[in-house]
């Protein structure tokens, strides 16, 4: 929602709509959810450029997506916004659970940060001193941050992807993921200091920090169907399909 939707968003959501309508033709019960990821530095900067608040900006810009889906005759069952109070509460609950289990810890951290990608990069990852993904400049940042012990899950993830052949499709995407997982899997920085980014979900165990946008946004797949069941009583989570399109 830092800008209006583009063809990449349409491609992804049309695929989901086709999957849903196809399965309904065969009598399957379906629940199709889409929505908008509304936190992060890019959104905050977009709001500043318009001389408005991030909340006012996303309240306006998420409507462009709803209008697009109406024009394309996309029939979703739920449109979730990551600024919804229920989603924010779910993220804070999840963060607290991980903190209580000792899977989140704090440490001083310094590194090259890309605003465009909203992530840190190692020196060796930079190309000509710039963000290797977007080619934009990076800034050297040193601060205390919170980290999720992602490295604990490396072998478990590799084993799961290898033993469930259709978990990631198409195959070349599965191979990309496995290639990433077989490298050293570093712990993930899951916080941003409010001193430079205040548009996000506050960490329940430290009010001076907000959650990293992707740690927040990806949880919407679970928060959006929390407590929901199909008519036979089966849970809507885990989802049968998660579709990631050209917009990501």
Protein backbone atom coordinates (compact mmCIF):
# COMPACT_ATOMS: atom_id res chain seq x y z
CA UNK A 1 0.00 0.00 0.00
CA UNK A 2 2.95 2.34 -0.44
CA UNK A 3 1.50 2.83 -3.94
CA UNK A 4 -1.40 1.76 -6.19
CA UNK A 5 -1.63 -1.90 -7.32
CA UNK A 6 0.14 -3.07 -10.47
CA UNK A 7 -0.13 -6.04 -12.83
CA UNK A 8 1.91 -8.26 -10.49
CA UNK A 9 -0.74 -7.96 -7.80
CA UNK A 10 -3.45 -8.80 -10.33
CA UNK A 11 -1.63 -11.89 -11.62
CA UNK A 12 -1.29 -13.41 -8.15
CA UNK A 13 -4.87 -12.71 -7.08
CA UNK A 14 -6.42 -13.90 -10.36
CA UNK A 15 -4.65 -17.25 -9.86
CA UNK A 16 -6.24 -17.56 -6.41
CA UNK A 17 -9.66 -16.66 -7.78
CA UNK A 18 -9.36 -19.31 -10.51
CA UNK A 19 -8.32 -21.96 -7.97
CA UNK A 20 -11.27 -21.09 -5.76
CA UNK A 21 -13.90 -21.06 -8.51
CA UNK A 22 -12.54 -24.30 -10.01
CA UNK A 23 -12.79 -26.16 -6.70
CA UNK A 24 -16.27 -24.78 -5.97
CA UNK A 25 -17.46 -26.23 -9.31
CA UNK A 26 -16.60 -29.67 -7.88
CA UNK A 27 -18.42 -29.02 -4.62
CA UNK A 28 -15.47 -28.18 -2.40
CA UNK A 29 -15.94 -25.72 0.42
CA UNK A 30 -13.45 -22.90 -0.07
CA UNK A 31 -12.27 -19.89 1.86
CA UNK A 32 -10.29 -17.39 -0.21
CA UNK A 33 -8.42 -14.68 1.66
CA UNK A 34 -6.42 -11.78 0.28
CA UNK A 35 -5.55 -8.37 1.64
CA UNK A 36 -2.88 -5.75 2.17
CA UNK A 37 0.41 -5.64 4.12
CA UNK A 38 0.31 -2.17 5.63
CA UNK A 39 3.33 -1.70 7.88
CA UNK A 40 7.00 -0.93 7.27
CA UNK A 41 9.38 1.81 6.31
CA UNK A 42 8.27 2.17 2.69
CA UNK A 43 4.70 2.86 3.81
CA UNK A 44 5.87 5.35 6.42
CA UNK A 45 7.96 7.17 3.81
CA UNK A 46 5.07 7.19 1.31
CA UNK A 47 2.87 8.82 3.96
CA UNK A 48 5.55 11.41 4.77
CA UNK A 49 5.81 12.35 1.09
CA UNK A 50 2.07 12.98 1.07
CA UNK A 51 2.30 14.93 4.33
CA UNK A 52 -0.12 12.62 6.10
CA UNK A 53 -0.03 9.89 8.75
CA UNK A 54 0.68 6.24 7.86
CA UNK A 55 -2.74 5.19 9.15
CA UNK A 56 -4.51 7.78 7.00
CA UNK A 57 -2.40 6.72 4.02
CA UNK A 58 -3.21 3.00 4.33
CA UNK A 59 -6.88 3.70 5.05
CA UNK A 60 -7.00 5.39 1.66
CA UNK A 61 -4.64 3.20 -0.39
CA UNK A 62 -6.00 -0.24 0.57
CA UNK A 63 -9.23 0.79 -1.18
CA UNK A 64 -7.37 0.80 -4.53
CA UNK A 65 -6.87 -2.95 -4.14
CA UNK A 66 -10.51 -3.58 -3.28
CA UNK A 67 -11.56 -1.56 -6.34
CA UNK A 68 -9.15 -3.54 -8.54
CA UNK A 69 -10.56 -6.89 -7.37
CA UNK A 70 -14.12 -5.67 -7.95
CA UNK A 71 -13.22 -4.63 -11.51
CA UNK A 72 -11.64 -8.04 -12.15
CA UNK A 73 -14.62 -9.92 -10.67
CA UNK A 74 -12.45 -11.49 -7.98
CA UNK A 75 -14.66 -13.01 -5.29
CA UNK A 76 -12.64 -13.30 -2.09
CA UNK A 77 -14.21 -14.39 1.20
CA UNK A 78 -12.10 -12.14 3.39
CA UNK A 79 -9.96 -9.07 2.83
CA UNK A 80 -7.47 -8.78 5.68
CA UNK A 81 -5.45 -5.68 6.53
CA UNK A 82 -2.39 -6.05 8.73
CA UNK A 83 -3.41 -2.86 10.53
CA UNK A 84 -6.59 -4.62 11.71
CA UNK A 85 -6.70 -4.71 15.55
CA UNK A 86 -7.30 -8.49 15.59
CA UNK A 87 -4.21 -9.12 13.44
CA UNK A 88 -2.02 -6.84 15.58
CA UNK A 89 -3.15 -8.65 18.73
CA UNK A 90 -2.36 -12.02 17.12
CA UNK A 91 1.16 -10.89 16.14
CA UNK A 92 1.88 -9.61 19.64
CA UNK A 93 0.61 -12.87 21.13
CA UNK A 94 2.87 -14.88 18.78
CA UNK A 95 5.89 -12.70 19.59
CA UNK A 96 5.28 -13.11 23.32
CA UNK A 97 5.05 -16.89 22.96
CA UNK A 98 8.38 -17.03 21.12
CA UNK A 99 9.98 -14.69 23.67
CA UNK A 100 8.73 -16.85 26.56
CA UNK A 101 10.17 -19.96 24.85
CA UNK A 102 13.57 -18.29 24.52
CA UNK A 103 13.45 -18.28 20.70
CA UNK A 104 13.82 -14.49 20.52
CA UNK A 105 16.84 -12.72 22.03
CA UNK A 106 18.39 -9.25 21.88
CA UNK A 107 21.91 -8.19 20.91
CA UNK A 108 23.83 -5.23 19.55
CA UNK A 109 23.90 -5.43 15.79
CA UNK A 110 25.47 -3.48 12.97
CA UNK A 111 25.21 -3.95 9.26
CA UNK A 112 24.20 -2.60 5.87
CA UNK A 113 20.49 -1.80 5.72
CA UNK A 114 18.35 -1.37 2.61
CA UNK A 115 15.23 0.75 3.01
CA UNK A 116 13.85 -0.53 -0.31
CA UNK A 117 14.07 -4.19 0.72
CA UNK A 118 13.57 -3.42 4.44
CA UNK A 119 16.34 -5.82 5.46
CA UNK A 120 20.01 -6.05 6.42
CA UNK A 121 22.70 -7.40 4.09
CA UNK A 122 26.18 -8.78 4.74
CA UNK A 123 29.14 -6.96 3.17
CA UNK A 124 29.74 -10.01 0.95
CA UNK A 125 26.16 -9.81 -0.38
CA UNK A 126 26.45 -6.25 -1.69
CA UNK A 127 27.04 -5.63 -5.39
CA UNK A 128 29.19 -2.56 -6.06
CA UNK A 129 28.37 -1.46 -2.53
CA UNK A 130 24.62 -1.52 -3.17
CA UNK A 131 21.58 -3.63 -2.31
CA UNK A 132 21.97 -6.83 -4.42
CA UNK A 133 18.22 -7.06 -5.10
CA UNK A 134 17.15 -3.54 -6.04
CA UNK A 135 20.55 -1.92 -6.73
CA UNK A 136 19.73 0.93 -4.34
CA UNK A 137 22.14 2.51 -1.83
CA UNK A 138 22.42 0.98 1.64
CA UNK A 139 23.07 2.62 5.02
CA UNK A 140 25.36 1.43 7.81
CA UNK A 141 23.27 1.05 10.96
CA UNK A 142 24.34 0.06 14.46
CA UNK A 143 21.73 -0.58 17.12
CA UNK A 144 20.30 -3.08 19.56
CA UNK A 145 17.79 -5.41 17.93
CA UNK A 146 15.81 -8.56 18.57
CA UNK A 147 16.49 -11.80 16.71
CA UNK A 148 14.46 -14.96 16.07
CA UNK A 149 16.47 -18.20 16.34
CA UNK A 150 15.72 -19.22 12.76
CA UNK A 151 18.91 -21.30 12.69
CA UNK A 152 17.23 -23.82 15.03
CA UNK A 153 14.84 -24.79 12.24
CA UNK A 154 17.34 -25.35 9.42
CA UNK A 155 17.46 -29.15 9.39
CA UNK A 156 13.75 -29.50 10.16
CA UNK A 157 12.84 -27.27 7.20
CA UNK A 158 15.17 -29.08 4.79
CA UNK A 159 13.77 -32.46 5.84
CA UNK A 160 10.17 -31.27 5.45
CA UNK A 161 10.64 -29.73 2.00
CA UNK A 162 12.51 -32.80 0.74
CA UNK A 163 9.95 -35.28 2.06
CA UNK A 164 6.88 -33.32 0.87
CA UNK A 165 7.48 -33.07 -2.87
CA UNK A 166 4.50 -30.84 -3.67
CA UNK A 167 4.92 -28.48 -0.70
CA UNK A 168 6.62 -25.84 -2.87
CA UNK A 169 5.70 -25.57 -6.54
CA UNK A 170 7.03 -25.24 -9.20
CA UNK A 171 10.15 -27.39 -8.71
CA UNK A 172 12.62 -24.63 -9.54
CA UNK A 173 11.23 -22.57 -6.64
CA UNK A 174 11.60 -25.57 -4.33
CA UNK A 175 15.22 -25.91 -5.44
CA UNK A 176 15.80 -22.21 -4.77
CA UNK A 177 14.46 -22.59 -1.23
CA UNK A 178 16.54 -25.70 -0.58
CA UNK A 179 19.63 -23.94 -1.92
CA UNK A 180 19.00 -21.11 0.55
CA UNK A 181 18.37 -23.49 3.47
CA UNK A 182 21.55 -25.50 2.83
CA UNK A 183 23.69 -22.41 3.33
CA UNK A 184 24.42 -21.08 6.80
CA UNK A 185 20.99 -20.07 8.11
CA UNK A 186 21.48 -16.99 10.25
CA UNK A 187 19.08 -15.84 12.92
CA UNK A 188 16.53 -13.32 11.65
CA UNK A 189 16.39 -9.72 12.87
CA UNK A 190 12.69 -9.28 13.70
CA UNK A 191 12.64 -5.76 15.16
CA UNK A 192 13.13 -2.15 14.15
CA UNK A 193 13.84 0.66 16.60
CA UNK A 194 11.07 3.23 16.92
CA UNK A 195 13.77 5.90 16.79
CA UNK A 196 13.84 5.40 13.01
CA UNK A 197 10.62 3.49 12.28
CA UNK A 198 7.46 3.82 14.35
CA UNK A 199 4.92 2.49 11.83
CA UNK A 200 4.62 -1.12 12.90
CA UNK A 201 3.33 -3.45 15.61
CA UNK A 202 4.95 -2.75 18.98
CA UNK A 203 6.89 -5.65 20.52
CA UNK A 204 4.98 -6.80 23.62
CA UNK A 205 8.23 -7.16 25.60
CA UNK A 206 9.88 -3.86 24.54
CA UNK A 207 7.80 -0.80 23.69
CA UNK A 208 10.75 0.95 22.03
CA UNK A 209 10.63 -1.46 19.09
CA UNK A 210 8.23 -2.56 16.36
CA UNK A 211 8.10 -5.92 14.58
CA UNK A 212 9.93 -6.38 11.27
CA UNK A 213 7.29 -6.00 8.55
CA UNK A 214 7.59 -9.53 7.10
CA UNK A 215 7.46 -11.20 10.50
CA UNK A 216 4.20 -9.31 11.02
CA UNK A 217 2.75 -9.64 7.50
CA UNK A 218 3.25 -13.38 7.00
CA UNK A 219 1.30 -14.16 10.17
CA UNK A 220 -1.85 -12.80 8.51
CA UNK A 221 -2.33 -16.21 6.86
CA UNK A 222 -2.95 -17.60 10.34
CA UNK A 223 -4.54 -14.62 12.08
CA UNK A 224 -7.10 -14.22 9.29
CA UNK A 225 -8.60 -17.68 9.84
CA UNK A 226 -8.01 -18.03 13.58
CA UNK A 227 -10.88 -20.04 15.07
CA UNK A 228 -12.58 -20.52 11.68
CA UNK A 229 -13.73 -23.97 10.60
CA UNK A 230 -15.42 -25.56 7.61
CA UNK A 231 -18.91 -27.05 7.94
CA UNK A 232 -17.47 -30.45 8.92
CA UNK A 233 -15.67 -28.82 11.85
CA UNK A 234 -12.18 -29.05 10.33
CA UNK A 235 -9.88 -26.10 10.86
CA UNK A 236 -9.15 -23.68 8.01
CA UNK A 237 -5.49 -23.69 9.02
CA UNK A 238 -3.19 -24.90 7.61
CA UNK A 239 -4.23 -23.57 4.21
CA UNK A 240 -4.44 -25.89 1.20
CA UNK A 241 -2.66 -23.29 -0.96
CA UNK A 242 -0.62 -20.15 -0.36
CA UNK A 243 0.02 -18.31 -3.62
CA UNK A 244 2.94 -15.90 -3.93
CA UNK A 245 2.86 -13.87 -7.12
CA UNK A 246 4.99 -11.49 -9.13
CA UNK A 247 4.41 -8.65 -6.67
CA UNK A 248 6.78 -10.34 -4.17
